[in-house]
Amino acid sequence: MKKTLLVMAAALGLAGGLALSAQAEDYTLRSGDQLSIIVAQDETISTSPTANFTPYVVRPDGKVAIPYVGEIYASGMTVAQFTDTVKAGLSKYIVDPDVAVNIVKWGSVRVYVFGEVHKPGAYELTKGHTVMDAIGAAEGFTWDTAKKKIFLIHQDDTNKAIPIHLNDMLKTGNMKENYTLREGDILYLTKNGKISFARDIAPFLSGAYMLSEIKDNN
């Protein structure tokens, strides 16, 4: 038993490392990300290095407004893809535009983690917004967690629970089910794999969204 626990702990460390590496290389823009955009040929478009804020923020609708270019649907793009899109738009007005884009502040996503974790509750996630990030924010799963049956519930579709096979991620490093989380998502880690939506999840849904409404109205 002890050997099994050690192997699983090592696997968790390996999987976490893979996830962080993937996030660093493949991070995609999302709502709330604040961007610095520098256009060498036009200072009026460029973010001021002395300003305390940037006008370039990924809005809740996923778009960023750029002078001359218009609105770009940035959500889901990598920084490189977004940079290329800005260059393409500016090339109609500037010959071979020199554009540099950086993220100056990560947008946050508020999610809820309940069930068999060490610290259940609401968490504001920045930069990493995945299932593994949320479990890490809740200080990890307990030894009683049914790792083959974790459930993800989206705020806009509370009647559907998406199953997640955590064991597969831990043992193989396959991050296919390490889903990107949205605002208001709930992760529920079961204890024995047997789950009743009405009994086990519904009470957490109502409690989580009541907490969300209280916070938003303060």
N, C-alpha and C. Protein backbone atom coordinates (compact mmCIF):
# COMPACT_ATOMS: atom_id res chain seq x y z
N MET A 1 0.83 -1.21 0.00
CA MET A 1 0.00 0.00 0.00
C MET A 1 0.86 1.25 0.00
N LYS A 2 1.88 1.26 0.87
CA LYS A 2 2.77 2.42 0.96
C LYS A 2 3.47 2.68 -0.37
N LYS A 3 3.90 1.57 -1.02
CA LYS A 3 4.58 1.70 -2.30
C LYS A 3 3.65 2.31 -3.35
N THR A 4 2.37 1.87 -3.32
CA THR A 4 1.39 2.41 -4.26
C THR A 4 1.21 3.90 -4.07
N LEU A 5 1.13 4.34 -2.82
CA LEU A 5 0.96 5.76 -2.54
C LEU A 5 2.15 6.56 -3.02
N LEU A 6 3.35 6.04 -2.83
CA LEU A 6 4.55 6.74 -3.28
C LEU A 6 4.58 6.87 -4.80
N VAL A 7 4.17 5.80 -5.48
CA VAL A 7 4.14 5.84 -6.95
C VAL A 7 3.14 6.88 -7.42
N MET A 8 1.97 6.93 -6.78
CA MET A 8 0.95 7.90 -7.18
C MET A 8 1.40 9.32 -6.90
N ALA A 9 2.08 9.54 -5.78
CA ALA A 9 2.59 10.87 -5.47
C ALA A 9 3.61 11.32 -6.50
N ALA A 10 4.48 10.40 -6.90
CA ALA A 10 5.47 10.72 -7.94
C ALA A 10 4.79 11.05 -9.26
N ALA A 11 3.74 10.28 -9.57
CA ALA A 11 3.00 10.52 -10.80
C ALA A 11 2.35 11.89 -10.79
N LEU A 12 1.80 12.28 -9.64
CA LEU A 12 1.19 13.60 -9.52
C LEU A 12 2.19 14.69 -9.78
N GLY A 13 3.40 14.54 -9.22
CA GLY A 13 4.43 15.53 -9.46
C GLY A 13 4.80 15.61 -10.92
N LEU A 14 4.91 14.46 -11.59
CA LEU A 14 5.26 14.42 -13.00
C LEU A 14 4.17 15.07 -13.83
N ALA A 15 2.91 14.71 -13.55
CA ALA A 15 1.80 15.25 -14.32
C ALA A 15 1.69 16.75 -14.13
N GLY A 16 1.89 17.21 -12.88
CA GLY A 16 1.84 18.64 -12.62
C GLY A 16 2.90 19.38 -13.40
N GLY A 17 4.11 18.80 -13.47
CA GLY A 17 5.19 19.42 -14.22
C GLY A 17 4.86 19.53 -15.69
N LEU A 18 4.27 18.46 -16.24
CA LEU A 18 3.88 18.47 -17.65
C LEU A 18 2.84 19.55 -17.92
N ALA A 19 1.88 19.66 -16.99
CA ALA A 19 0.81 20.64 -17.18
C ALA A 19 1.37 22.06 -17.15
N LEU A 20 2.25 22.34 -16.19
CA LEU A 20 2.82 23.68 -16.09
C LEU A 20 3.65 24.01 -17.32
N SER A 21 4.41 23.03 -17.81
CA SER A 21 5.21 23.25 -19.00
C SER A 21 4.33 23.57 -20.19
N ALA A 22 3.22 22.80 -20.32
CA ALA A 22 2.32 23.03 -21.43
C ALA A 22 1.68 24.40 -21.33
N GLN A 23 1.33 24.82 -20.09
CA GLN A 23 0.73 26.12 -19.91
C GLN A 23 1.69 27.23 -20.32
N ALA A 24 2.96 27.07 -19.96
CA ALA A 24 3.94 28.10 -20.27
C ALA A 24 4.14 28.24 -21.78
N GLU A 25 4.12 27.12 -22.50
CA GLU A 25 4.38 27.15 -23.93
C GLU A 25 3.13 27.42 -24.75
N ASP A 26 1.99 26.95 -24.30
CA ASP A 26 0.78 26.98 -25.12
C ASP A 26 -0.33 27.83 -24.53
N TYR A 27 -0.01 28.72 -23.61
CA TYR A 27 -1.03 29.54 -22.97
C TYR A 27 -1.83 30.29 -24.02
N THR A 28 -3.14 30.22 -23.91
CA THR A 28 -4.01 30.94 -24.84
C THR A 28 -4.68 32.10 -24.11
N LEU A 29 -4.87 33.19 -24.84
CA LEU A 29 -5.46 34.38 -24.25
C LEU A 29 -6.90 34.11 -23.85
N ARG A 30 -7.33 34.80 -22.81
CA ARG A 30 -8.69 34.65 -22.32
C ARG A 30 -9.16 35.93 -21.66
N SER A 31 -10.41 35.98 -21.32
CA SER A 31 -11.01 37.17 -20.74
C SER A 31 -10.23 37.65 -19.52
N GLY A 32 -9.98 38.96 -19.47
CA GLY A 32 -9.29 39.56 -18.33
C GLY A 32 -7.80 39.73 -18.53
N ASP A 33 -7.19 39.04 -19.50
CA ASP A 33 -5.75 39.22 -19.75
C ASP A 33 -5.48 40.65 -20.19
N GLN A 34 -4.47 41.26 -19.59
CA GLN A 34 -4.07 42.62 -19.96
C GLN A 34 -2.79 42.55 -20.78
N LEU A 35 -2.79 43.25 -21.92
CA LEU A 35 -1.71 43.12 -22.89
C LEU A 35 -0.94 44.42 -23.07
N SER A 36 0.35 44.27 -23.26
CA SER A 36 1.19 45.38 -23.70
C SER A 36 1.44 45.17 -25.19
N ILE A 37 1.11 46.16 -26.00
CA ILE A 37 1.32 46.09 -27.45
C ILE A 37 2.23 47.23 -27.86
N ILE A 38 3.37 46.90 -28.45
CA ILE A 38 4.33 47.90 -28.92
C ILE A 38 4.42 47.80 -30.44
N VAL A 39 4.15 48.92 -31.11
CA VAL A 39 4.31 49.01 -32.56
C VAL A 39 5.43 50.00 -32.83
N ALA A 40 6.56 49.51 -33.32
CA ALA A 40 7.75 50.34 -33.47
C ALA A 40 7.50 51.56 -34.34
N GLN A 41 6.64 51.43 -35.34
CA GLN A 41 6.42 52.53 -36.28
C GLN A 41 5.35 53.52 -35.83
N ASP A 42 4.67 53.27 -34.73
CA ASP A 42 3.58 54.17 -34.32
C ASP A 42 3.42 54.16 -32.80
N GLU A 43 3.91 55.21 -32.16
CA GLU A 43 3.84 55.30 -30.70
C GLU A 43 2.41 55.50 -30.20
N THR A 44 1.53 56.04 -31.06
CA THR A 44 0.16 56.30 -30.61
C THR A 44 -0.61 55.00 -30.38
N ILE A 45 -0.20 53.94 -31.06
CA ILE A 45 -0.84 52.64 -30.85
C ILE A 45 -0.22 51.93 -29.66
N SER A 46 1.05 52.19 -29.44
CA SER A 46 1.81 51.44 -28.45
C SER A 46 1.38 51.74 -27.01
N THR A 47 1.47 50.73 -26.17
CA THR A 47 1.24 50.90 -24.74
C THR A 47 2.35 51.76 -24.16
N SER A 48 1.98 52.79 -23.40
CA SER A 48 2.99 53.66 -22.80
C SER A 48 3.74 52.92 -21.69
N PRO A 49 5.08 52.98 -21.73
CA PRO A 49 5.85 52.28 -20.68
C PRO A 49 5.70 52.92 -19.31
N THR A 50 5.20 54.16 -19.25
CA THR A 50 5.07 54.85 -17.96
C THR A 50 3.63 54.82 -17.43
N ALA A 51 2.71 54.29 -18.23
CA ALA A 51 1.31 54.28 -17.80
C ALA A 51 1.08 53.20 -16.74
N ASN A 52 0.11 53.45 -15.87
CA ASN A 52 -0.23 52.48 -14.83
C ASN A 52 -1.27 51.47 -15.29
N PHE A 53 -1.72 51.62 -16.51
CA PHE A 53 -2.72 50.69 -17.04
C PHE A 53 -2.48 50.52 -18.53
N THR A 54 -3.07 49.50 -19.09
CA THR A 54 -2.99 49.27 -20.53
C THR A 54 -4.40 49.31 -21.11
N PRO A 55 -4.57 49.95 -22.28
CA PRO A 55 -5.91 49.97 -22.89
C PRO A 55 -6.28 48.65 -23.55
N TYR A 56 -5.32 47.73 -23.61
CA TYR A 56 -5.56 46.48 -24.33
C TYR A 56 -5.85 45.34 -23.34
N VAL A 57 -7.13 45.08 -23.18
CA VAL A 57 -7.59 44.03 -22.27
C VAL A 57 -8.55 43.12 -23.03
N VAL A 58 -8.39 41.82 -22.84
CA VAL A 58 -9.33 40.88 -23.46
C VAL A 58 -10.66 40.99 -22.72
N ARG A 59 -11.66 41.48 -23.43
CA ARG A 59 -12.96 41.73 -22.82
C ARG A 59 -13.71 40.42 -22.54
N PRO A 60 -14.80 40.49 -21.76
CA PRO A 60 -15.58 39.28 -21.50
C PRO A 60 -16.09 38.60 -22.76
N ASP A 61 -16.28 39.37 -23.86
CA ASP A 61 -16.71 38.75 -25.11
C ASP A 61 -15.55 38.17 -25.91
N GLY A 62 -14.32 38.24 -25.32
CA GLY A 62 -13.15 37.64 -25.96
C GLY A 62 -12.43 38.53 -26.94
N LYS A 63 -12.87 39.78 -27.09
CA LYS A 63 -12.30 40.65 -28.10
C LYS A 63 -11.37 41.71 -27.52
N VAL A 64 -10.46 42.19 -28.38
CA VAL A 64 -9.57 43.31 -28.05
C VAL A 64 -9.66 44.30 -29.20
N ALA A 65 -9.84 45.59 -28.87
CA ALA A 65 -9.93 46.63 -29.90
C ALA A 65 -8.55 47.25 -30.12
N ILE A 66 -8.12 47.26 -31.39
CA ILE A 66 -6.81 47.81 -31.76
C ILE A 66 -7.02 48.94 -32.78
N PRO A 67 -6.43 50.12 -32.58
CA PRO A 67 -6.55 51.19 -33.58
C PRO A 67 -6.11 50.72 -34.96
N TYR A 68 -6.85 51.14 -35.99
CA TYR A 68 -6.62 50.79 -37.40
C TYR A 68 -7.03 49.34 -37.71
N VAL A 69 -6.88 48.46 -36.75
CA VAL A 69 -7.17 47.05 -36.99
C VAL A 69 -8.63 46.73 -36.71
N GLY A 70 -9.18 47.36 -35.67
CA GLY A 70 -10.53 47.05 -35.25
C GLY A 70 -10.54 46.01 -34.14
N GLU A 71 -11.61 45.28 -34.03
CA GLU A 71 -11.74 44.29 -32.96
C GLU A 71 -11.22 42.92 -33.42
N ILE A 72 -10.39 42.34 -32.57
CA ILE A 72 -9.84 41.00 -32.83
C ILE A 72 -10.41 40.06 -31.78
N TYR A 73 -10.93 38.92 -32.23
CA TYR A 73 -11.38 37.91 -31.27
C TYR A 73 -10.14 37.16 -30.78
N ALA A 74 -9.64 37.59 -29.63
CA ALA A 74 -8.35 37.11 -29.12
C ALA A 74 -8.46 35.86 -28.27
N SER A 75 -9.61 35.64 -27.65
CA SER A 75 -9.77 34.50 -26.76
C SER A 75 -9.49 33.19 -27.50
N GLY A 76 -8.58 32.40 -26.94
CA GLY A 76 -8.21 31.13 -27.57
C GLY A 76 -6.96 31.21 -28.42
N MET A 77 -6.50 32.43 -28.72
CA MET A 77 -5.27 32.60 -29.49
C MET A 77 -4.05 32.52 -28.57
N THR A 78 -2.94 32.02 -29.09
CA THR A 78 -1.68 32.18 -28.38
C THR A 78 -1.20 33.60 -28.61
N VAL A 79 -0.20 34.03 -27.84
CA VAL A 79 0.34 35.38 -28.02
C VAL A 79 0.91 35.53 -29.43
N ALA A 80 1.57 34.49 -29.93
CA ALA A 80 2.15 34.53 -31.28
C ALA A 80 1.07 34.70 -32.34
N GLN A 81 -0.04 33.97 -32.19
CA GLN A 81 -1.14 34.08 -33.16
C GLN A 81 -1.77 35.46 -33.11
N PHE A 82 -1.95 35.99 -31.91
CA PHE A 82 -2.52 37.32 -31.76
C PHE A 82 -1.60 38.37 -32.39
N THR A 83 -0.29 38.23 -32.15
CA THR A 83 0.69 39.17 -32.71
C THR A 83 0.62 39.16 -34.24
N ASP A 84 0.55 37.97 -34.82
CA ASP A 84 0.47 37.85 -36.28
C ASP A 84 -0.80 38.50 -36.82
N THR A 85 -1.91 38.37 -36.07
CA THR A 85 -3.17 38.97 -36.50
C THR A 85 -3.10 40.49 -36.47
N VAL A 86 -2.46 41.03 -35.42
CA VAL A 86 -2.28 42.48 -35.33
C VAL A 86 -1.40 42.96 -36.48
N LYS A 87 -0.32 42.25 -36.75
CA LYS A 87 0.57 42.62 -37.86
C LYS A 87 -0.18 42.63 -39.19
N ALA A 88 -0.99 41.60 -39.42
CA ALA A 88 -1.73 41.51 -40.68
C ALA A 88 -2.69 42.70 -40.83
N GLY A 89 -3.35 43.08 -39.73
CA GLY A 89 -4.26 44.21 -39.78
C GLY A 89 -3.54 45.53 -40.02
N LEU A 90 -2.42 45.70 -39.37
CA LEU A 90 -1.66 46.95 -39.50
C LEU A 90 -0.94 47.06 -40.84
N SER A 91 -0.69 45.93 -41.49
CA SER A 91 0.06 45.95 -42.76
C SER A 91 -0.68 46.69 -43.86
N LYS A 92 -1.97 46.93 -43.67
CA LYS A 92 -2.73 47.72 -44.65
C LYS A 92 -2.37 49.20 -44.58
N TYR A 93 -1.78 49.60 -43.46
CA TYR A 93 -1.44 51.01 -43.25
C TYR A 93 0.05 51.24 -43.02
N ILE A 94 0.75 50.21 -42.55
CA ILE A 94 2.18 50.33 -42.23
C ILE A 94 2.94 49.24 -42.98
N VAL A 95 4.02 49.63 -43.63
CA VAL A 95 4.83 48.65 -44.34
C VAL A 95 5.63 47.82 -43.34
N ASP A 96 5.46 46.50 -43.40
CA ASP A 96 6.18 45.56 -42.54
C ASP A 96 6.15 46.01 -41.07
N PRO A 97 4.97 46.08 -40.46
CA PRO A 97 4.88 46.54 -39.06
C PRO A 97 5.67 45.65 -38.10
N ASP A 98 6.37 46.31 -37.18
CA ASP A 98 7.15 45.62 -36.16
C ASP A 98 6.33 45.64 -34.87
N VAL A 99 5.76 44.50 -34.50
CA VAL A 99 4.82 44.43 -33.37
C VAL A 99 5.32 43.46 -32.32
N ALA A 100 5.25 43.89 -31.05
CA ALA A 100 5.59 43.02 -29.93
C ALA A 100 4.43 43.02 -28.95
N VAL A 101 4.00 41.83 -28.54
CA VAL A 101 2.87 41.70 -27.61
C VAL A 101 3.32 40.89 -26.40
N ASN A 102 2.99 41.39 -25.21
CA ASN A 102 3.28 40.66 -23.98
C ASN A 102 2.07 40.72 -23.06
N ILE A 103 1.92 39.71 -22.23
CA ILE A 103 0.87 39.72 -21.21
C ILE A 103 1.45 40.38 -19.97
N VAL A 104 0.82 41.47 -19.53
CA VAL A 104 1.32 42.18 -18.35
C VAL A 104 0.56 41.77 -17.08
N LYS A 105 -0.64 41.22 -17.26
CA LYS A 105 -1.39 40.74 -16.11
C LYS A 105 -2.34 39.65 -16.58
N TRP A 106 -2.32 38.51 -15.88
CA TRP A 106 -3.19 37.40 -16.24
C TRP A 106 -4.60 37.67 -15.77
N GLY A 107 -5.57 37.32 -16.60
CA GLY A 107 -6.95 37.38 -16.18
C GLY A 107 -7.23 36.28 -15.18
N SER A 108 -8.21 36.47 -14.32
CA SER A 108 -8.52 35.45 -13.32
C SER A 108 -9.87 34.81 -13.61
N VAL A 109 -10.03 33.59 -13.15
CA VAL A 109 -11.28 32.85 -13.27
C VAL A 109 -11.64 32.33 -11.89
N ARG A 110 -12.88 32.57 -11.48
CA ARG A 110 -13.34 32.09 -10.17
C ARG A 110 -14.02 30.74 -10.35
N VAL A 111 -13.50 29.73 -9.68
CA VAL A 111 -14.06 28.37 -9.78
C VAL A 111 -14.29 27.82 -8.39
N TYR A 112 -15.01 26.71 -8.33
CA TYR A 112 -15.36 26.09 -7.05
C TYR A 112 -14.90 24.64 -7.07
N VAL A 113 -14.24 24.22 -6.00
CA VAL A 113 -13.75 22.86 -5.89
C VAL A 113 -14.34 22.24 -4.62
N PHE A 114 -15.12 21.17 -4.79
CA PHE A 114 -15.81 20.55 -3.67
C PHE A 114 -15.52 19.05 -3.63
N GLY A 115 -15.86 18.44 -2.52
CA GLY A 115 -15.70 17.00 -2.38
C GLY A 115 -14.39 16.64 -1.72
N GLU A 116 -13.73 15.58 -2.24
CA GLU A 116 -12.55 15.01 -1.61
C GLU A 116 -11.26 15.74 -1.98
N VAL A 117 -11.16 17.01 -1.50
CA VAL A 117 -9.92 17.79 -1.57
C VAL A 117 -9.61 18.29 -0.17
N HIS A 118 -8.39 18.71 0.04
CA HIS A 118 -8.01 19.12 1.39
C HIS A 118 -8.63 20.45 1.81
N LYS A 119 -8.87 21.36 0.85
CA LYS A 119 -9.46 22.65 1.19
C LYS A 119 -10.55 23.00 0.18
N PRO A 120 -11.74 22.46 0.35
CA PRO A 120 -12.84 22.79 -0.56
C PRO A 120 -13.17 24.28 -0.48
N GLY A 121 -13.65 24.83 -1.59
CA GLY A 121 -14.06 26.23 -1.57
C GLY A 121 -13.96 26.90 -2.92
N ALA A 122 -14.05 28.23 -2.90
CA ALA A 122 -13.97 29.04 -4.11
C ALA A 122 -12.54 29.53 -4.30
N TYR A 123 -12.06 29.53 -5.56
CA TYR A 123 -10.68 29.93 -5.84
C TYR A 123 -10.62 30.84 -7.07
N GLU A 124 -9.80 31.88 -6.96
CA GLU A 124 -9.50 32.74 -8.10
C GLU A 124 -8.21 32.21 -8.73
N LEU A 125 -8.32 31.69 -9.94
CA LEU A 125 -7.16 31.15 -10.63
C LEU A 125 -6.61 32.16 -11.62
N THR A 126 -5.31 32.37 -11.61
CA THR A 126 -4.67 33.22 -12.60
C THR A 126 -3.63 32.41 -13.36
N LYS A 127 -3.41 32.79 -14.60
CA LYS A 127 -2.50 32.11 -15.54
C LYS A 127 -2.97 30.70 -15.85
N GLY A 128 -2.89 29.79 -14.86
CA GLY A 128 -3.33 28.42 -15.10
C GLY A 128 -4.80 28.28 -14.72
N HIS A 129 -5.64 27.88 -15.67
CA HIS A 129 -7.07 27.78 -15.41
C HIS A 129 -7.57 26.38 -15.74
N THR A 130 -6.81 25.37 -15.38
CA THR A 130 -7.18 24.01 -15.76
C THR A 130 -7.65 23.21 -14.55
N VAL A 131 -8.14 22.00 -14.84
CA VAL A 131 -8.59 21.09 -13.78
C VAL A 131 -7.47 20.86 -12.76
N MET A 132 -6.27 20.57 -13.26
CA MET A 132 -5.14 20.29 -12.35
C MET A 132 -4.78 21.53 -11.53
N ASP A 133 -4.88 22.72 -12.14
CA ASP A 133 -4.59 23.95 -11.40
C ASP A 133 -5.58 24.13 -10.25
N ALA A 134 -6.86 23.84 -10.52
CA ALA A 134 -7.89 24.00 -9.50
C ALA A 134 -7.69 23.02 -8.35
N ILE A 135 -7.35 21.77 -8.69
CA ILE A 135 -7.10 20.77 -7.64
C ILE A 135 -5.88 21.18 -6.81
N GLY A 136 -4.86 21.71 -7.48
CA GLY A 136 -3.68 22.20 -6.76
C GLY A 136 -4.02 23.36 -5.84
N ALA A 137 -4.88 24.27 -6.29
CA ALA A 137 -5.27 25.42 -5.46
C ALA A 137 -6.00 24.95 -4.20
N ALA A 138 -6.72 23.83 -4.32
CA ALA A 138 -7.44 23.26 -3.17
C ALA A 138 -6.55 22.33 -2.35
N GLU A 139 -5.24 22.44 -2.58
CA GLU A 139 -4.22 21.68 -1.85
C GLU A 139 -4.29 20.17 -2.09
N GLY A 140 -4.78 19.80 -3.28
CA GLY A 140 -4.71 18.40 -3.70
C GLY A 140 -5.88 17.55 -3.24
N PHE A 141 -5.98 16.38 -3.85
CA PHE A 141 -7.05 15.45 -3.51
C PHE A 141 -6.66 14.63 -2.28
N THR A 142 -7.68 14.07 -1.63
CA THR A 142 -7.43 13.21 -0.47
C THR A 142 -7.23 11.77 -0.95
N TRP A 143 -6.77 10.91 -0.04
CA TRP A 143 -6.55 9.51 -0.41
C TRP A 143 -7.87 8.76 -0.61
N ASP A 144 -8.98 9.36 -0.20
CA ASP A 144 -10.28 8.73 -0.39
C ASP A 144 -10.93 9.09 -1.72
N THR A 145 -10.26 9.93 -2.51
CA THR A 145 -10.85 10.37 -3.77
C THR A 145 -11.00 9.22 -4.77
N ALA A 146 -12.16 9.15 -5.41
CA ALA A 146 -12.37 8.19 -6.50
C ALA A 146 -11.79 8.83 -7.76
N LYS A 147 -10.52 8.52 -8.05
CA LYS A 147 -9.79 9.26 -9.08
C LYS A 147 -10.24 8.96 -10.50
N LYS A 148 -11.08 7.93 -10.64
CA LYS A 148 -11.62 7.64 -11.96
C LYS A 148 -12.89 8.43 -12.24
N LYS A 149 -13.42 9.07 -11.19
CA LYS A 149 -14.68 9.78 -11.36
C LYS A 149 -14.67 11.14 -10.66
N ILE A 150 -14.11 12.10 -11.37
CA ILE A 150 -14.21 13.50 -10.97
C ILE A 150 -15.18 14.14 -11.96
N PHE A 151 -15.92 15.14 -11.52
CA PHE A 151 -16.92 15.73 -12.40
C PHE A 151 -16.73 17.24 -12.51
N LEU A 152 -16.86 17.74 -13.75
CA LEU A 152 -16.78 19.17 -14.04
C LEU A 152 -18.16 19.64 -14.48
N ILE A 153 -18.63 20.73 -13.86
CA ILE A 153 -19.93 21.29 -14.21
C ILE A 153 -19.74 22.74 -14.62
N HIS A 154 -20.18 23.08 -15.83
CA HIS A 154 -20.09 24.46 -16.32
C HIS A 154 -21.29 25.26 -15.82
N GLN A 155 -21.05 26.52 -15.52
CA GLN A 155 -22.10 27.39 -14.99
C GLN A 155 -23.27 27.52 -15.97
N ASP A 156 -22.96 27.49 -17.28
CA ASP A 156 -24.02 27.68 -18.27
C ASP A 156 -24.69 26.36 -18.67
N ASP A 157 -24.31 25.25 -18.02
CA ASP A 157 -24.94 23.96 -18.32
C ASP A 157 -24.89 23.09 -17.07
N THR A 158 -25.66 23.50 -16.06
CA THR A 158 -25.57 22.83 -14.75
C THR A 158 -26.25 21.47 -14.73
N ASN A 159 -26.95 21.10 -15.80
CA ASN A 159 -27.61 19.79 -15.84
C ASN A 159 -26.69 18.69 -16.36
N LYS A 160 -25.48 19.08 -16.77
CA LYS A 160 -24.56 18.10 -17.33
C LYS A 160 -23.27 18.07 -16.52
N ALA A 161 -22.91 16.89 -16.05
CA ALA A 161 -21.65 16.71 -15.33
C ALA A 161 -20.67 15.98 -16.24
N ILE A 162 -19.53 16.62 -16.54
CA ILE A 162 -18.53 16.04 -17.43
C ILE A 162 -17.58 15.17 -16.62
N PRO A 163 -17.51 13.86 -16.90
CA PRO A 163 -16.61 12.98 -16.14
C PRO A 163 -15.15 13.19 -16.50
N ILE A 164 -14.28 13.11 -15.51
CA ILE A 164 -12.84 13.26 -15.71
C ILE A 164 -12.14 12.08 -15.05
N HIS A 165 -11.23 11.48 -15.77
CA HIS A 165 -10.48 10.31 -15.29
C HIS A 165 -9.10 10.79 -14.81
N LEU A 166 -9.03 11.19 -13.54
CA LEU A 166 -7.78 11.74 -13.00
C LEU A 166 -6.67 10.70 -13.01
N ASN A 167 -7.01 9.44 -12.77
CA ASN A 167 -6.00 8.38 -12.77
C ASN A 167 -5.24 8.32 -14.08
N ASP A 168 -5.94 8.52 -15.18
CA ASP A 168 -5.31 8.47 -16.50
C ASP A 168 -4.26 9.57 -16.62
N MET A 169 -4.58 10.76 -16.13
CA MET A 169 -3.63 11.87 -16.18
C MET A 169 -2.41 11.59 -15.31
N LEU A 170 -2.65 11.04 -14.12
CA LEU A 170 -1.56 10.79 -13.18
C LEU A 170 -0.63 9.68 -13.65
N LYS A 171 -1.20 8.63 -14.22
CA LYS A 171 -0.39 7.47 -14.59
C LYS A 171 0.29 7.60 -15.94
N THR A 172 -0.35 8.30 -16.89
CA THR A 172 0.20 8.36 -18.25
C THR A 172 0.70 9.74 -18.65
N GLY A 173 0.30 10.77 -17.89
CA GLY A 173 0.67 12.13 -18.29
C GLY A 173 -0.19 12.66 -19.42
N ASN A 174 -1.24 11.93 -19.79
CA ASN A 174 -2.16 12.36 -20.84
C ASN A 174 -3.07 13.45 -20.30
N MET A 175 -2.91 14.68 -20.81
CA MET A 175 -3.65 15.82 -20.29
C MET A 175 -4.90 16.14 -21.10
N LYS A 176 -5.40 15.16 -21.84
CA LYS A 176 -6.57 15.38 -22.69
C LYS A 176 -7.77 15.88 -21.90
N GLU A 177 -7.93 15.39 -20.68
CA GLU A 177 -9.08 15.79 -19.86
C GLU A 177 -8.72 16.87 -18.84
N ASN A 178 -7.56 17.47 -18.99
CA ASN A 178 -7.17 18.58 -18.12
C ASN A 178 -7.78 19.86 -18.70
N TYR A 179 -9.11 19.93 -18.65
CA TYR A 179 -9.86 20.96 -19.34
C TYR A 179 -9.55 22.36 -18.81
N THR A 180 -9.65 23.34 -19.71
CA THR A 180 -9.57 24.73 -19.31
C THR A 180 -10.88 25.12 -18.64
N LEU A 181 -10.79 25.73 -17.47
CA LEU A 181 -11.98 26.07 -16.70
C LEU A 181 -12.51 27.45 -17.07
N ARG A 182 -13.82 27.58 -16.95
CA ARG A 182 -14.49 28.85 -17.23
C ARG A 182 -14.94 29.49 -15.92
N GLU A 183 -15.30 30.76 -16.00
CA GLU A 183 -15.83 31.46 -14.83
C GLU A 183 -17.04 30.69 -14.28
N GLY A 184 -17.01 30.43 -12.96
CA GLY A 184 -18.13 29.80 -12.30
C GLY A 184 -18.16 28.28 -12.36
N ASP A 185 -17.16 27.65 -12.97
CA ASP A 185 -17.14 26.19 -13.06
C ASP A 185 -17.03 25.54 -11.68
N ILE A 186 -17.56 24.33 -11.58
CA ILE A 186 -17.46 23.55 -10.35
C ILE A 186 -16.76 22.24 -10.65
N LEU A 187 -15.78 21.89 -9.80
CA LEU A 187 -15.16 20.57 -9.83
C LEU A 187 -15.64 19.81 -8.60
N TYR A 188 -16.11 18.59 -8.80
CA TYR A 188 -16.58 17.78 -7.68
C TYR A 188 -15.81 16.47 -7.69
N LEU A 189 -15.05 16.21 -6.61
CA LEU A 189 -14.27 14.99 -6.48
C LEU A 189 -15.03 14.02 -5.58
N THR A 190 -15.47 12.90 -6.16
CA THR A 190 -16.27 11.95 -5.40
C THR A 190 -15.40 11.09 -4.49
N LYS A 191 -16.06 10.45 -3.53
CA LYS A 191 -15.35 9.61 -2.57
C LYS A 191 -15.30 8.16 -3.01
N ASN A 192 -16.39 7.67 -3.59
CA ASN A 192 -16.42 6.25 -3.92
C ASN A 192 -16.86 5.96 -5.35
N GLY A 193 -16.99 7.01 -6.15
CA GLY A 193 -17.36 6.82 -7.54
C GLY A 193 -18.84 6.75 -7.79
N LYS A 194 -19.65 6.60 -6.73
CA LYS A 194 -21.09 6.55 -6.89
C LYS A 194 -21.65 7.94 -6.60
N ILE A 195 -22.36 8.51 -7.57
CA ILE A 195 -22.78 9.89 -7.42
C ILE A 195 -24.23 10.06 -7.83
N SER A 196 -24.94 10.84 -7.05
CA SER A 196 -26.31 11.24 -7.37
C SER A 196 -26.29 12.73 -7.59
N PHE A 197 -26.71 13.16 -8.78
CA PHE A 197 -26.66 14.60 -9.08
C PHE A 197 -27.48 15.40 -8.06
N ALA A 198 -28.71 14.95 -7.81
CA ALA A 198 -29.60 15.68 -6.90
C ALA A 198 -29.06 15.70 -5.48
N ARG A 199 -28.50 14.56 -5.03
CA ARG A 199 -28.03 14.46 -3.65
C ARG A 199 -26.67 15.08 -3.44
N ASP A 200 -25.74 14.85 -4.39
CA ASP A 200 -24.33 15.21 -4.16
C ASP A 200 -23.91 16.53 -4.80
N ILE A 201 -24.46 16.85 -5.96
CA ILE A 201 -23.98 18.04 -6.67
C ILE A 201 -24.90 19.24 -6.50
N ALA A 202 -26.22 19.04 -6.59
CA ALA A 202 -27.17 20.15 -6.54
C ALA A 202 -26.97 21.06 -5.33
N PRO A 203 -26.77 20.52 -4.11
CA PRO A 203 -26.56 21.41 -2.96
C PRO A 203 -25.32 22.29 -3.12
N PHE A 204 -24.26 21.75 -3.73
CA PHE A 204 -23.07 22.55 -3.94
C PHE A 204 -23.30 23.63 -4.99
N LEU A 205 -24.09 23.31 -6.02
CA LEU A 205 -24.40 24.29 -7.05
C LEU A 205 -25.09 25.50 -6.46
N SER A 206 -26.16 25.27 -5.69
CA SER A 206 -26.91 26.38 -5.12
C SER A 206 -26.05 27.18 -4.15
N GLY A 207 -25.23 26.50 -3.35
CA GLY A 207 -24.36 27.20 -2.41
C GLY A 207 -23.30 28.01 -3.11
N ALA A 208 -22.71 27.46 -4.17
CA ALA A 208 -21.64 28.15 -4.89
C ALA A 208 -22.16 29.40 -5.57
N TYR A 209 -23.32 29.30 -6.22
CA TYR A 209 -23.83 30.45 -6.95
C TYR A 209 -24.43 31.50 -6.02
N MET A 210 -24.89 31.07 -4.83
CA MET A 210 -25.33 32.04 -3.84
C MET A 210 -24.12 32.84 -3.37
N LEU A 211 -23.00 32.15 -3.14
CA LEU A 211 -21.75 32.82 -2.75
C LEU A 211 -21.30 33.77 -3.83
N SER A 212 -21.44 33.36 -5.10
CA SER A 212 -21.03 34.18 -6.23
C SER A 212 -21.85 35.46 -6.28
N GLU A 213 -23.19 35.33 -6.07
CA GLU A 213 -24.07 36.50 -6.12
C GLU A 213 -23.76 37.46 -4.99
N ILE A 214 -23.49 36.92 -3.80
CA ILE A 214 -23.16 37.78 -2.65
C ILE A 214 -21.89 38.57 -2.93
N LYS A 215 -20.86 37.88 -3.48
CA LYS A 215 -19.60 38.57 -3.77
C LYS A 215 -19.78 39.64 -4.83
N ASP A 216 -20.55 39.32 -5.89
CA ASP A 216 -20.71 40.25 -6.99
C ASP A 216 -21.53 41.47 -6.61
N ASN A 217 -22.41 41.32 -5.59
CA ASN A 217 -23.27 42.43 -5.20
C ASN A 217 -22.67 43.30 -4.11
N ASN A 218 -21.49 42.88 -3.58
CA ASN A 218 -20.85 43.69 -2.54
C ASN A 218 -20.07 44.84 -3.16
